[in-house]
Amino acid sequence: MSGIKVRQVMEQPGIFIDGTTLLVETARLMRDRDLGCLLVGSPDRLVGIVTDRDLVVRSLAQGQDSYRIQVETIMSREPICCDADQTTDTALKIMAECGVRRLPVRNRTDRVIGLISRSDIGFPHSDRKPCQINFYKNVQAGSISRPVLMDTVYVSGCPDPDAAIEMACQRIVDAHGVASWDQFADQYEIFDLGDIYR
């Protein structure tokens, strides 16, 4: 695909939705239009992107009420984009570095005119599966100690679970201003999300 421009293989950006759209409406749109993601905002003002994976691991897996929660609470804000005149090799490099499978495409006036995915480029799915790592703190209630969920980190692009855990622990350190993850939590649990993120 070397030398092929993004604009030659990109898809139309599909449907733009408002950030106040409910999760259940978002899921129905994806189902009815057979889409793996939706862009949030407008072609001239892109504010986020939401994928089918976001609906599963950021919403359903955490027990959120899809009839009350708005998409802006789970979307990825300020999504990474590529330019229509960049090569597909450049787009693939951006995807790999950012751990994503789709990129909104902008033209020279910064307007979103398309969407490109790894499958558009003919790139095979990676064997590097995304993971969800939950961090827990043991809380004492009387004579009973129970783990309480403190934070959840999503990691993709790692070659193995150990690398995913290392990256997640570093994110906990960065996000919470601690010297090591075990100053914030007592234990963690990792889930292989398998083929959900496609």
N, C-alpha and C. Protein backbone atom coordinates (compact mmCIF):
# COMPACT_ATOMS: atom_id res chain seq x y z
N MET A 1 0.84 -1.22 0.00
CA MET A 1 0.00 0.00 0.00
C MET A 1 0.87 1.26 0.00
N SER A 2 2.19 1.10 -0.06
CA SER A 2 3.07 2.24 -0.01
C SER A 2 2.77 3.22 -1.14
N GLY A 3 2.66 4.51 -0.80
CA GLY A 3 2.40 5.53 -1.81
C GLY A 3 0.93 5.81 -2.04
N ILE A 4 0.05 4.94 -1.57
CA ILE A 4 -1.39 5.15 -1.72
C ILE A 4 -1.84 6.22 -0.72
N LYS A 5 -2.63 7.17 -1.20
CA LYS A 5 -3.12 8.23 -0.32
C LYS A 5 -4.34 7.78 0.46
N VAL A 6 -4.47 8.34 1.67
CA VAL A 6 -5.60 8.00 2.53
C VAL A 6 -6.92 8.27 1.82
N ARG A 7 -7.01 9.39 1.10
CA ARG A 7 -8.27 9.77 0.44
C ARG A 7 -8.71 8.74 -0.61
N GLN A 8 -7.77 7.91 -1.07
CA GLN A 8 -8.09 6.92 -2.09
C GLN A 8 -8.79 5.69 -1.52
N VAL A 9 -8.64 5.46 -0.24
CA VAL A 9 -9.21 4.23 0.35
C VAL A 9 -10.15 4.50 1.52
N MET A 10 -10.25 5.76 1.97
CA MET A 10 -11.08 6.07 3.14
C MET A 10 -12.55 5.86 2.84
N GLU A 11 -13.32 5.68 3.90
CA GLU A 11 -14.77 5.61 3.81
C GLU A 11 -15.35 6.97 4.15
N GLN A 12 -16.62 7.16 3.82
CA GLN A 12 -17.30 8.38 4.25
C GLN A 12 -17.38 8.36 5.78
N PRO A 13 -17.39 9.54 6.42
CA PRO A 13 -17.36 9.57 7.89
C PRO A 13 -18.62 9.01 8.54
N GLY A 14 -19.66 8.75 7.74
CA GLY A 14 -20.86 8.16 8.32
C GLY A 14 -21.68 9.18 9.08
N ILE A 15 -22.21 8.76 10.21
CA ILE A 15 -23.14 9.60 10.96
C ILE A 15 -22.41 10.35 12.07
N PHE A 16 -22.68 11.63 12.18
CA PHE A 16 -22.21 12.41 13.33
C PHE A 16 -23.35 12.48 14.35
N ILE A 17 -23.01 12.30 15.61
CA ILE A 17 -24.01 12.38 16.66
C ILE A 17 -23.60 13.46 17.66
N ASP A 18 -24.56 13.90 18.43
CA ASP A 18 -24.31 14.90 19.47
C ASP A 18 -23.83 14.21 20.73
N GLY A 19 -23.04 14.92 21.52
CA GLY A 19 -22.52 14.34 22.76
C GLY A 19 -23.59 13.99 23.77
N THR A 20 -24.79 14.57 23.62
CA THR A 20 -25.87 14.28 24.56
C THR A 20 -26.69 13.05 24.16
N THR A 21 -26.33 12.42 23.04
CA THR A 21 -27.05 11.21 22.61
C THR A 21 -26.90 10.12 23.66
N LEU A 22 -27.99 9.46 24.00
CA LEU A 22 -27.94 8.39 25.00
C LEU A 22 -27.22 7.18 24.45
N LEU A 23 -26.62 6.41 25.35
CA LEU A 23 -25.86 5.23 24.93
C LEU A 23 -26.73 4.23 24.18
N VAL A 24 -27.97 4.05 24.63
CA VAL A 24 -28.84 3.08 23.97
C VAL A 24 -29.12 3.51 22.53
N GLU A 25 -29.29 4.83 22.30
CA GLU A 25 -29.52 5.33 20.95
C GLU A 25 -28.26 5.16 20.09
N THR A 26 -27.10 5.35 20.70
CA THR A 26 -25.83 5.18 20.01
C THR A 26 -25.66 3.73 19.56
N ALA A 27 -25.95 2.81 20.47
CA ALA A 27 -25.82 1.38 20.15
C ALA A 27 -26.78 0.98 19.03
N ARG A 28 -27.99 1.50 19.07
CA ARG A 28 -28.97 1.17 18.03
C ARG A 28 -28.54 1.70 16.67
N LEU A 29 -27.96 2.91 16.66
CA LEU A 29 -27.46 3.47 15.40
C LEU A 29 -26.37 2.59 14.81
N MET A 30 -25.46 2.17 15.67
CA MET A 30 -24.37 1.30 15.20
C MET A 30 -24.92 0.00 14.64
N ARG A 31 -25.89 -0.56 15.35
CA ARG A 31 -26.49 -1.82 14.91
C ARG A 31 -27.23 -1.64 13.59
N ASP A 32 -28.08 -0.62 13.51
CA ASP A 32 -28.92 -0.43 12.33
C ASP A 32 -28.12 -0.06 11.09
N ARG A 33 -27.03 0.68 11.28
CA ARG A 33 -26.21 1.10 10.13
C ARG A 33 -24.99 0.22 9.94
N ASP A 34 -24.83 -0.81 10.78
CA ASP A 34 -23.70 -1.73 10.71
C ASP A 34 -22.37 -0.97 10.77
N LEU A 35 -22.23 -0.12 11.81
CA LEU A 35 -21.05 0.69 11.99
C LEU A 35 -20.29 0.27 13.25
N GLY A 36 -18.97 0.36 13.19
CA GLY A 36 -18.16 0.03 14.36
C GLY A 36 -17.85 1.23 15.21
N CYS A 37 -18.13 2.43 14.68
CA CYS A 37 -17.89 3.64 15.47
C CYS A 37 -18.73 4.78 14.93
N LEU A 38 -18.89 5.81 15.75
CA LEU A 38 -19.60 7.02 15.36
C LEU A 38 -18.74 8.21 15.77
N LEU A 39 -18.80 9.27 14.96
CA LEU A 39 -18.09 10.49 15.29
C LEU A 39 -19.03 11.42 16.05
N VAL A 40 -18.49 12.10 17.03
CA VAL A 40 -19.29 12.98 17.89
C VAL A 40 -18.95 14.43 17.56
N GLY A 41 -19.97 15.21 17.24
CA GLY A 41 -19.77 16.60 16.86
C GLY A 41 -20.26 16.83 15.46
N SER A 42 -19.46 17.49 14.63
CA SER A 42 -19.82 17.78 13.25
C SER A 42 -18.55 17.76 12.40
N PRO A 43 -18.69 17.77 11.07
CA PRO A 43 -17.49 17.78 10.22
C PRO A 43 -16.56 18.95 10.50
N ASP A 44 -17.12 20.08 10.93
CA ASP A 44 -16.31 21.26 11.21
C ASP A 44 -15.87 21.36 12.67
N ARG A 45 -16.44 20.52 13.52
CA ARG A 45 -16.07 20.56 14.94
C ARG A 45 -16.18 19.16 15.53
N LEU A 46 -15.15 18.37 15.31
CA LEU A 46 -15.11 17.02 15.85
C LEU A 46 -14.68 17.07 17.31
N VAL A 47 -15.53 16.54 18.20
CA VAL A 47 -15.21 16.59 19.63
C VAL A 47 -14.89 15.22 20.21
N GLY A 48 -15.24 14.16 19.49
CA GLY A 48 -14.97 12.83 20.03
C GLY A 48 -15.29 11.73 19.05
N ILE A 49 -14.97 10.52 19.46
CA ILE A 49 -15.29 9.32 18.69
C ILE A 49 -15.71 8.24 19.68
N VAL A 50 -16.71 7.47 19.33
CA VAL A 50 -17.15 6.37 20.19
C VAL A 50 -17.20 5.10 19.36
N THR A 51 -16.66 4.03 19.90
CA THR A 51 -16.60 2.75 19.19
C THR A 51 -17.48 1.72 19.89
N ASP A 52 -17.70 0.61 19.20
CA ASP A 52 -18.46 -0.47 19.81
C ASP A 52 -17.74 -0.99 21.06
N ARG A 53 -16.42 -0.93 21.03
CA ARG A 53 -15.65 -1.36 22.21
C ARG A 53 -15.91 -0.43 23.39
N ASP A 54 -15.99 0.89 23.12
CA ASP A 54 -16.29 1.84 24.20
C ASP A 54 -17.61 1.49 24.88
N LEU A 55 -18.60 1.14 24.07
CA LEU A 55 -19.91 0.80 24.62
C LEU A 55 -19.83 -0.41 25.54
N VAL A 56 -18.98 -1.37 25.16
CA VAL A 56 -18.87 -2.60 25.95
C VAL A 56 -18.06 -2.39 27.21
N VAL A 57 -16.81 -1.90 27.05
CA VAL A 57 -15.91 -1.89 28.21
C VAL A 57 -15.99 -0.63 29.06
N ARG A 58 -16.47 0.46 28.49
CA ARG A 58 -16.57 1.68 29.30
C ARG A 58 -17.98 1.90 29.85
N SER A 59 -18.92 1.13 29.35
CA SER A 59 -20.29 1.33 29.78
C SER A 59 -20.89 0.05 30.36
N LEU A 60 -21.17 -0.91 29.50
CA LEU A 60 -21.85 -2.13 29.95
C LEU A 60 -21.05 -2.88 31.01
N ALA A 61 -19.73 -2.99 30.80
CA ALA A 61 -18.91 -3.74 31.75
C ALA A 61 -18.87 -3.08 33.12
N GLN A 62 -19.18 -1.80 33.18
CA GLN A 62 -19.18 -1.09 34.47
C GLN A 62 -20.60 -0.88 35.01
N GLY A 63 -21.57 -1.50 34.34
CA GLY A 63 -22.93 -1.46 34.84
C GLY A 63 -23.64 -0.14 34.67
N GLN A 64 -23.23 0.68 33.71
CA GLN A 64 -23.88 1.97 33.52
C GLN A 64 -25.24 1.79 32.86
N ASP A 65 -26.15 2.68 33.15
CA ASP A 65 -27.50 2.65 32.61
C ASP A 65 -27.50 3.30 31.23
N SER A 66 -27.63 2.49 30.19
CA SER A 66 -27.54 3.01 28.83
C SER A 66 -28.73 3.87 28.45
N TYR A 67 -29.80 3.85 29.27
CA TYR A 67 -30.97 4.69 29.01
C TYR A 67 -30.85 6.07 29.65
N ARG A 68 -29.79 6.27 30.43
CA ARG A 68 -29.63 7.55 31.13
C ARG A 68 -28.29 8.23 30.84
N ILE A 69 -27.28 7.43 30.49
CA ILE A 69 -25.93 7.97 30.30
C ILE A 69 -25.76 8.49 28.87
N GLN A 70 -25.14 9.66 28.76
CA GLN A 70 -24.90 10.26 27.45
C GLN A 70 -23.55 9.82 26.89
N VAL A 71 -23.44 9.82 25.58
CA VAL A 71 -22.26 9.29 24.92
C VAL A 71 -21.00 10.08 25.27
N GLU A 72 -21.15 11.35 25.62
CA GLU A 72 -19.98 12.16 25.93
C GLU A 72 -19.23 11.65 27.16
N THR A 73 -19.89 10.84 27.99
CA THR A 73 -19.24 10.31 29.19
C THR A 73 -18.29 9.16 28.88
N ILE A 74 -18.44 8.51 27.73
CA ILE A 74 -17.58 7.36 27.42
C ILE A 74 -16.76 7.56 26.15
N MET A 75 -17.03 8.60 25.38
CA MET A 75 -16.32 8.79 24.11
C MET A 75 -14.85 9.13 24.36
N SER A 76 -14.03 8.90 23.36
CA SER A 76 -12.65 9.36 23.38
C SER A 76 -12.64 10.80 22.88
N ARG A 77 -12.17 11.71 23.71
CA ARG A 77 -12.18 13.13 23.35
C ARG A 77 -10.96 13.49 22.50
N GLU A 78 -11.13 14.50 21.68
CA GLU A 78 -10.06 14.98 20.80
C GLU A 78 -9.35 13.82 20.11
N PRO A 79 -10.09 13.05 19.31
CA PRO A 79 -9.50 11.87 18.68
C PRO A 79 -8.36 12.21 17.73
N ILE A 80 -7.40 11.31 17.67
CA ILE A 80 -6.29 11.45 16.74
C ILE A 80 -6.82 11.33 15.32
N CYS A 81 -6.39 12.23 14.45
CA CYS A 81 -6.84 12.23 13.05
C CYS A 81 -5.64 12.10 12.12
N CYS A 82 -5.92 11.84 10.86
CA CYS A 82 -4.87 11.89 9.84
C CYS A 82 -5.36 12.79 8.72
N ASP A 83 -4.44 13.14 7.83
CA ASP A 83 -4.76 14.01 6.71
C ASP A 83 -5.07 13.17 5.47
N ALA A 84 -5.99 13.67 4.66
CA ALA A 84 -6.41 12.94 3.46
C ALA A 84 -5.27 12.71 2.50
N ASP A 85 -4.28 13.61 2.50
CA ASP A 85 -3.17 13.49 1.55
C ASP A 85 -1.98 12.72 2.11
N GLN A 86 -2.09 12.25 3.35
CA GLN A 86 -1.03 11.39 3.88
C GLN A 86 -1.13 10.01 3.25
N THR A 87 -0.03 9.26 3.31
CA THR A 87 -0.05 7.91 2.75
C THR A 87 -0.69 6.94 3.75
N THR A 88 -1.14 5.81 3.23
CA THR A 88 -1.72 4.80 4.11
C THR A 88 -0.67 4.23 5.06
N ASP A 89 0.60 4.24 4.65
CA ASP A 89 1.66 3.79 5.55
C ASP A 89 1.76 4.71 6.76
N THR A 90 1.61 6.01 6.52
CA THR A 90 1.63 6.97 7.62
C THR A 90 0.44 6.77 8.54
N ALA A 91 -0.74 6.52 7.94
CA ALA A 91 -1.94 6.28 8.74
C ALA A 91 -1.76 5.04 9.62
N LEU A 92 -1.19 3.98 9.06
CA LEU A 92 -0.94 2.76 9.84
C LEU A 92 0.02 3.03 10.99
N LYS A 93 1.03 3.83 10.73
CA LYS A 93 2.00 4.16 11.78
C LYS A 93 1.32 4.92 12.92
N ILE A 94 0.45 5.86 12.56
CA ILE A 94 -0.28 6.62 13.58
C ILE A 94 -1.16 5.68 14.41
N MET A 95 -1.87 4.77 13.73
CA MET A 95 -2.72 3.81 14.44
C MET A 95 -1.91 2.96 15.41
N ALA A 96 -0.76 2.48 14.94
CA ALA A 96 0.08 1.62 15.79
C ALA A 96 0.60 2.38 17.00
N GLU A 97 1.05 3.62 16.79
CA GLU A 97 1.61 4.41 17.88
C GLU A 97 0.55 4.80 18.91
N CYS A 98 -0.68 5.00 18.44
CA CYS A 98 -1.76 5.46 19.34
C CYS A 98 -2.64 4.32 19.84
N GLY A 99 -2.41 3.10 19.34
CA GLY A 99 -3.21 1.96 19.79
C GLY A 99 -4.66 2.02 19.37
N VAL A 100 -4.93 2.52 18.15
CA VAL A 100 -6.30 2.58 17.64
C VAL A 100 -6.39 1.86 16.31
N ARG A 101 -7.62 1.58 15.88
CA ARG A 101 -7.83 0.89 14.61
C ARG A 101 -8.53 1.76 13.58
N ARG A 102 -8.95 2.94 13.98
CA ARG A 102 -9.67 3.84 13.08
C ARG A 102 -9.18 5.27 13.28
N LEU A 103 -9.18 6.04 12.20
CA LEU A 103 -8.80 7.44 12.27
C LEU A 103 -9.78 8.30 11.47
N PRO A 104 -10.31 9.36 12.04
CA PRO A 104 -11.03 10.34 11.23
C PRO A 104 -10.03 11.00 10.27
N VAL A 105 -10.52 11.37 9.10
CA VAL A 105 -9.66 11.96 8.07
C VAL A 105 -10.07 13.42 7.85
N ARG A 106 -9.09 14.32 7.90
CA ARG A 106 -9.35 15.74 7.69
C ARG A 106 -8.79 16.19 6.34
N ASN A 107 -9.42 17.22 5.77
CA ASN A 107 -8.88 17.81 4.54
C ASN A 107 -8.01 19.01 4.90
N ARG A 108 -7.61 19.78 3.90
CA ARG A 108 -6.68 20.88 4.14
C ARG A 108 -7.29 22.02 4.93
N THR A 109 -8.61 22.09 4.99
CA THR A 109 -9.27 23.13 5.78
C THR A 109 -9.68 22.61 7.16
N ASP A 110 -9.18 21.44 7.53
CA ASP A 110 -9.43 20.84 8.85
C ASP A 110 -10.84 20.29 9.02
N ARG A 111 -11.55 20.09 7.93
CA ARG A 111 -12.89 19.51 7.97
C ARG A 111 -12.80 18.00 7.88
N VAL A 112 -13.59 17.30 8.68
CA VAL A 112 -13.59 15.84 8.64
C VAL A 112 -14.36 15.37 7.40
N ILE A 113 -13.67 14.65 6.54
CA ILE A 113 -14.28 14.21 5.28
C ILE A 113 -14.34 12.71 5.14
N GLY A 114 -13.78 11.98 6.10
CA GLY A 114 -13.79 10.53 5.97
C GLY A 114 -13.32 9.83 7.23
N LEU A 115 -13.22 8.53 7.11
CA LEU A 115 -12.80 7.67 8.21
C LEU A 115 -12.01 6.52 7.59
N ILE A 116 -10.87 6.20 8.17
CA ILE A 116 -10.08 5.10 7.64
C ILE A 116 -9.79 4.11 8.76
N SER A 117 -9.84 2.83 8.44
CA SER A 117 -9.57 1.78 9.41
C SER A 117 -8.48 0.86 8.87
N ARG A 118 -7.97 0.03 9.74
CA ARG A 118 -6.95 -0.93 9.33
C ARG A 118 -7.46 -1.83 8.21
N SER A 119 -8.73 -2.22 8.29
CA SER A 119 -9.28 -3.10 7.26
C SER A 119 -9.39 -2.40 5.91
N ASP A 120 -9.59 -1.06 5.91
CA ASP A 120 -9.61 -0.31 4.65
C ASP A 120 -8.27 -0.40 3.93
N ILE A 121 -7.22 -0.49 4.72
CA ILE A 121 -5.87 -0.53 4.16
C ILE A 121 -5.46 -1.96 3.82
N GLY A 122 -6.28 -2.91 4.26
CA GLY A 122 -5.95 -4.31 4.00
C GLY A 122 -4.92 -4.86 4.95
N PHE A 123 -4.85 -4.23 6.15
CA PHE A 123 -3.87 -4.66 7.15
C PHE A 123 -4.51 -5.71 8.05
N PRO A 124 -3.86 -6.84 8.26
CA PRO A 124 -4.45 -7.88 9.10
C PRO A 124 -4.58 -7.45 10.54
N HIS A 125 -5.57 -8.01 11.22
CA HIS A 125 -5.75 -7.70 12.65
C HIS A 125 -4.56 -8.18 13.45
N SER A 126 -4.17 -7.37 14.39
CA SER A 126 -3.02 -7.69 15.22
C SER A 126 -3.35 -8.81 16.21
N ASP A 127 -2.32 -9.58 16.56
CA ASP A 127 -2.48 -10.59 17.60
C ASP A 127 -2.36 -9.97 18.98
N ARG A 128 -2.05 -8.69 19.02
CA ARG A 128 -1.88 -8.02 20.30
C ARG A 128 -3.25 -7.55 20.78
N LYS A 129 -3.80 -8.27 21.72
CA LYS A 129 -5.17 -8.03 22.17
C LYS A 129 -5.23 -6.89 23.19
N PRO A 130 -6.31 -6.14 23.17
CA PRO A 130 -6.50 -5.12 24.20
C PRO A 130 -6.85 -5.77 25.54
N CYS A 131 -6.49 -5.07 26.60
CA CYS A 131 -6.75 -5.59 27.94
C CYS A 131 -7.42 -4.53 28.81
N GLN A 132 -8.16 -5.00 29.77
CA GLN A 132 -8.75 -4.14 30.80
C GLN A 132 -8.11 -4.54 32.12
N ILE A 133 -7.54 -3.56 32.82
CA ILE A 133 -6.91 -3.83 34.11
C ILE A 133 -7.65 -3.04 35.18
N ASN A 134 -8.24 -3.74 36.12
CA ASN A 134 -8.95 -3.13 37.24
C ASN A 134 -8.03 -3.07 38.46
N PHE A 135 -8.02 -1.93 39.12
CA PHE A 135 -7.21 -1.75 40.33
C PHE A 135 -8.14 -1.64 41.55
N TYR A 136 -7.83 -2.42 42.59
CA TYR A 136 -8.69 -2.50 43.76
C TYR A 136 -7.93 -2.10 45.03
N LYS A 137 -8.67 -1.53 45.96
CA LYS A 137 -8.15 -1.23 47.29
C LYS A 137 -8.94 -2.06 48.29
N ASN A 138 -8.25 -2.72 49.19
CA ASN A 138 -8.93 -3.51 50.22
C ASN A 138 -9.45 -2.57 51.31
N VAL A 139 -10.77 -2.62 51.52
CA VAL A 139 -11.42 -1.75 52.49
C VAL A 139 -11.97 -2.60 53.62
N GLN A 140 -11.67 -2.19 54.82
CA GLN A 140 -12.12 -2.92 56.00
C GLN A 140 -13.48 -2.41 56.45
N ALA A 141 -14.44 -3.32 56.54
CA ALA A 141 -15.77 -2.99 57.05
C ALA A 141 -16.05 -3.93 58.22
N GLY A 142 -15.78 -3.44 59.42
CA GLY A 142 -15.91 -4.31 60.59
C GLY A 142 -14.82 -5.37 60.56
N SER A 143 -15.24 -6.59 60.60
CA SER A 143 -14.27 -7.70 60.57
C SER A 143 -14.06 -8.23 59.15
N ILE A 144 -14.72 -7.61 58.18
CA ILE A 144 -14.64 -8.10 56.80
C ILE A 144 -13.86 -7.12 55.93
N SER A 145 -12.93 -7.66 55.18
CA SER A 145 -12.17 -6.86 54.22
C SER A 145 -12.64 -7.22 52.82
N ARG A 146 -12.95 -6.20 52.03
CA ARG A 146 -13.40 -6.48 50.67
C ARG A 146 -12.73 -5.53 49.69
N PRO A 147 -12.47 -6.00 48.47
CA PRO A 147 -11.83 -5.13 47.48
C PRO A 147 -12.83 -4.15 46.87
N VAL A 148 -12.42 -2.91 46.74
CA VAL A 148 -13.23 -1.87 46.13
C VAL A 148 -12.52 -1.37 44.87
N LEU A 149 -13.26 -1.32 43.78
CA LEU A 149 -12.68 -0.86 42.52
C LEU A 149 -12.29 0.62 42.62
N MET A 150 -11.01 0.91 42.35
CA MET A 150 -10.51 2.28 42.44
C MET A 150 -10.36 2.93 41.07
N ASP A 151 -9.94 2.15 40.08
CA ASP A 151 -9.74 2.70 38.74
C ASP A 151 -9.65 1.54 37.74
N THR A 152 -9.95 1.87 36.49
CA THR A 152 -9.85 0.90 35.40
C THR A 152 -9.02 1.52 34.28
N VAL A 153 -8.08 0.73 33.77
CA VAL A 153 -7.21 1.20 32.69
C VAL A 153 -7.38 0.24 31.50
N TYR A 154 -7.49 0.82 30.31
CA TYR A 154 -7.60 0.04 29.08
C TYR A 154 -6.29 0.20 28.30
N VAL A 155 -5.72 -0.93 27.92
CA VAL A 155 -4.43 -0.94 27.23
C VAL A 155 -4.54 -1.78 25.97
N SER A 156 -4.00 -1.27 24.87
CA SER A 156 -3.96 -2.07 23.65
C SER A 156 -2.58 -1.97 23.03
N GLY A 157 -2.25 -2.91 22.17
CA GLY A 157 -0.99 -2.86 21.45
C GLY A 157 0.18 -3.49 22.18
N CYS A 158 -0.05 -4.13 23.33
CA CYS A 158 1.05 -4.76 24.06
C CYS A 158 1.23 -6.21 23.61
N PRO A 159 2.46 -6.69 23.58
CA PRO A 159 2.71 -8.04 23.09
C PRO A 159 2.26 -9.16 24.03
N ASP A 160 2.11 -8.85 25.33
CA ASP A 160 1.72 -9.89 26.28
C ASP A 160 1.10 -9.24 27.52
N PRO A 161 0.45 -10.04 28.38
CA PRO A 161 -0.21 -9.48 29.58
C PRO A 161 0.74 -8.74 30.52
N ASP A 162 1.98 -9.23 30.65
CA ASP A 162 2.94 -8.57 31.53
C ASP A 162 3.21 -7.13 31.07
N ALA A 163 3.36 -6.97 29.76
CA ALA A 163 3.60 -5.62 29.21
C ALA A 163 2.39 -4.73 29.41
N ALA A 164 1.18 -5.31 29.27
CA ALA A 164 -0.05 -4.55 29.48
C ALA A 164 -0.16 -4.09 30.92
N ILE A 165 0.17 -4.96 31.86
CA ILE A 165 0.12 -4.61 33.28
C ILE A 165 1.13 -3.52 33.60
N GLU A 166 2.32 -3.64 33.03
CA GLU A 166 3.35 -2.62 33.26
C GLU A 166 2.88 -1.25 32.77
N MET A 167 2.26 -1.23 31.58
CA MET A 167 1.77 0.03 31.04
C MET A 167 0.64 0.59 31.89
N ALA A 168 -0.27 -0.30 32.33
CA ALA A 168 -1.40 0.14 33.16
C ALA A 168 -0.91 0.70 34.49
N CYS A 169 0.07 0.05 35.09
CA CYS A 169 0.61 0.53 36.37
C CYS A 169 1.25 1.90 36.20
N GLN A 170 1.92 2.12 35.08
CA GLN A 170 2.53 3.42 34.83
C GLN A 170 1.46 4.49 34.66
N ARG A 171 0.36 4.14 34.02
CA ARG A 171 -0.74 5.10 33.85
C ARG A 171 -1.36 5.47 35.19
N ILE A 172 -1.45 4.50 36.09
CA ILE A 172 -1.97 4.78 37.44
C ILE A 172 -1.03 5.76 38.16
N VAL A 173 0.26 5.52 38.05
CA VAL A 173 1.26 6.41 38.65
C VAL A 173 1.10 7.83 38.11
N ASP A 174 0.99 7.94 36.78
CA ASP A 174 0.88 9.26 36.15
C ASP A 174 -0.43 9.96 36.50
N ALA A 175 -1.51 9.19 36.53
CA ALA A 175 -2.83 9.79 36.74
C ALA A 175 -3.07 10.22 38.18
N HIS A 176 -2.49 9.48 39.12
CA HIS A 176 -2.80 9.73 40.53
C HIS A 176 -1.64 10.32 41.32
N GLY A 177 -0.52 10.58 40.65
CA GLY A 177 0.59 11.25 41.30
C GLY A 177 1.22 10.47 42.43
N VAL A 178 1.34 9.16 42.25
CA VAL A 178 1.97 8.31 43.27
C VAL A 178 3.30 7.78 42.71
N ALA A 179 4.14 7.29 43.62
CA ALA A 179 5.45 6.79 43.20
C ALA A 179 5.36 5.41 42.57
N SER A 180 4.38 4.63 43.02
CA SER A 180 4.16 3.30 42.45
C SER A 180 2.68 2.94 42.58
N TRP A 181 2.22 2.03 41.76
CA TRP A 181 0.79 1.71 41.72
C TRP A 181 0.28 1.21 43.06
N ASP A 182 1.14 0.50 43.83
CA ASP A 182 0.67 -0.08 45.09
C ASP A 182 0.53 0.94 46.21
N GLN A 183 0.84 2.20 45.92
CA GLN A 183 0.50 3.26 46.87
C GLN A 183 -0.94 3.72 46.65
N PHE A 184 -1.49 3.36 45.50
CA PHE A 184 -2.86 3.74 45.15
C PHE A 184 -3.83 2.58 45.35
N ALA A 185 -3.38 1.36 45.07
CA ALA A 185 -4.25 0.17 45.15
C ALA A 185 -3.48 -0.98 45.77
N ASP A 186 -4.25 -2.00 46.16
CA ASP A 186 -3.64 -3.18 46.79
C ASP A 186 -3.49 -4.35 45.82
N GLN A 187 -4.31 -4.35 44.79
CA GLN A 187 -4.26 -5.48 43.85
C GLN A 187 -4.85 -5.04 42.51
N TYR A 188 -4.59 -5.86 41.50
CA TYR A 188 -5.18 -5.61 40.18
C TYR A 188 -5.64 -6.91 39.56
N GLU A 189 -6.49 -6.77 38.58
CA GLU A 189 -7.04 -7.92 37.86
C GLU A 189 -7.05 -7.57 36.38
N ILE A 190 -6.56 -8.48 35.54
CA ILE A 190 -6.47 -8.19 34.11
C ILE A 190 -7.45 -9.06 33.34
N PHE A 191 -8.11 -8.46 32.35
CA PHE A 191 -9.05 -9.16 31.48
C PHE A 191 -8.59 -8.99 30.04
N ASP A 192 -8.48 -10.10 29.32
CA ASP A 192 -8.19 -10.07 27.89
C ASP A 192 -9.50 -9.82 27.16
N LEU A 193 -9.60 -8.69 26.47
CA LEU A 193 -10.83 -8.34 25.79
C LEU A 193 -10.98 -9.04 24.43
N GLY A 194 -10.00 -9.81 24.07
CA GLY A 194 -10.12 -10.65 22.89
C GLY A 194 -10.44 -9.90 21.63
N ASP A 195 -11.47 -10.34 20.95
CA ASP A 195 -11.82 -9.77 19.66
C ASP A 195 -12.87 -8.67 19.73
N ILE A 196 -13.15 -8.15 20.93
CA ILE A 196 -14.13 -7.09 21.06
C ILE A 196 -13.70 -5.86 20.27
N TYR A 197 -12.38 -5.55 20.39
CA TYR A 197 -11.89 -4.32 19.75
C TYR A 197 -11.50 -4.62 18.32
N ARG A 198 -12.39 -4.36 17.40
CA ARG A 198 -12.16 -4.63 15.98
C ARG A 198 -12.53 -3.40 15.20
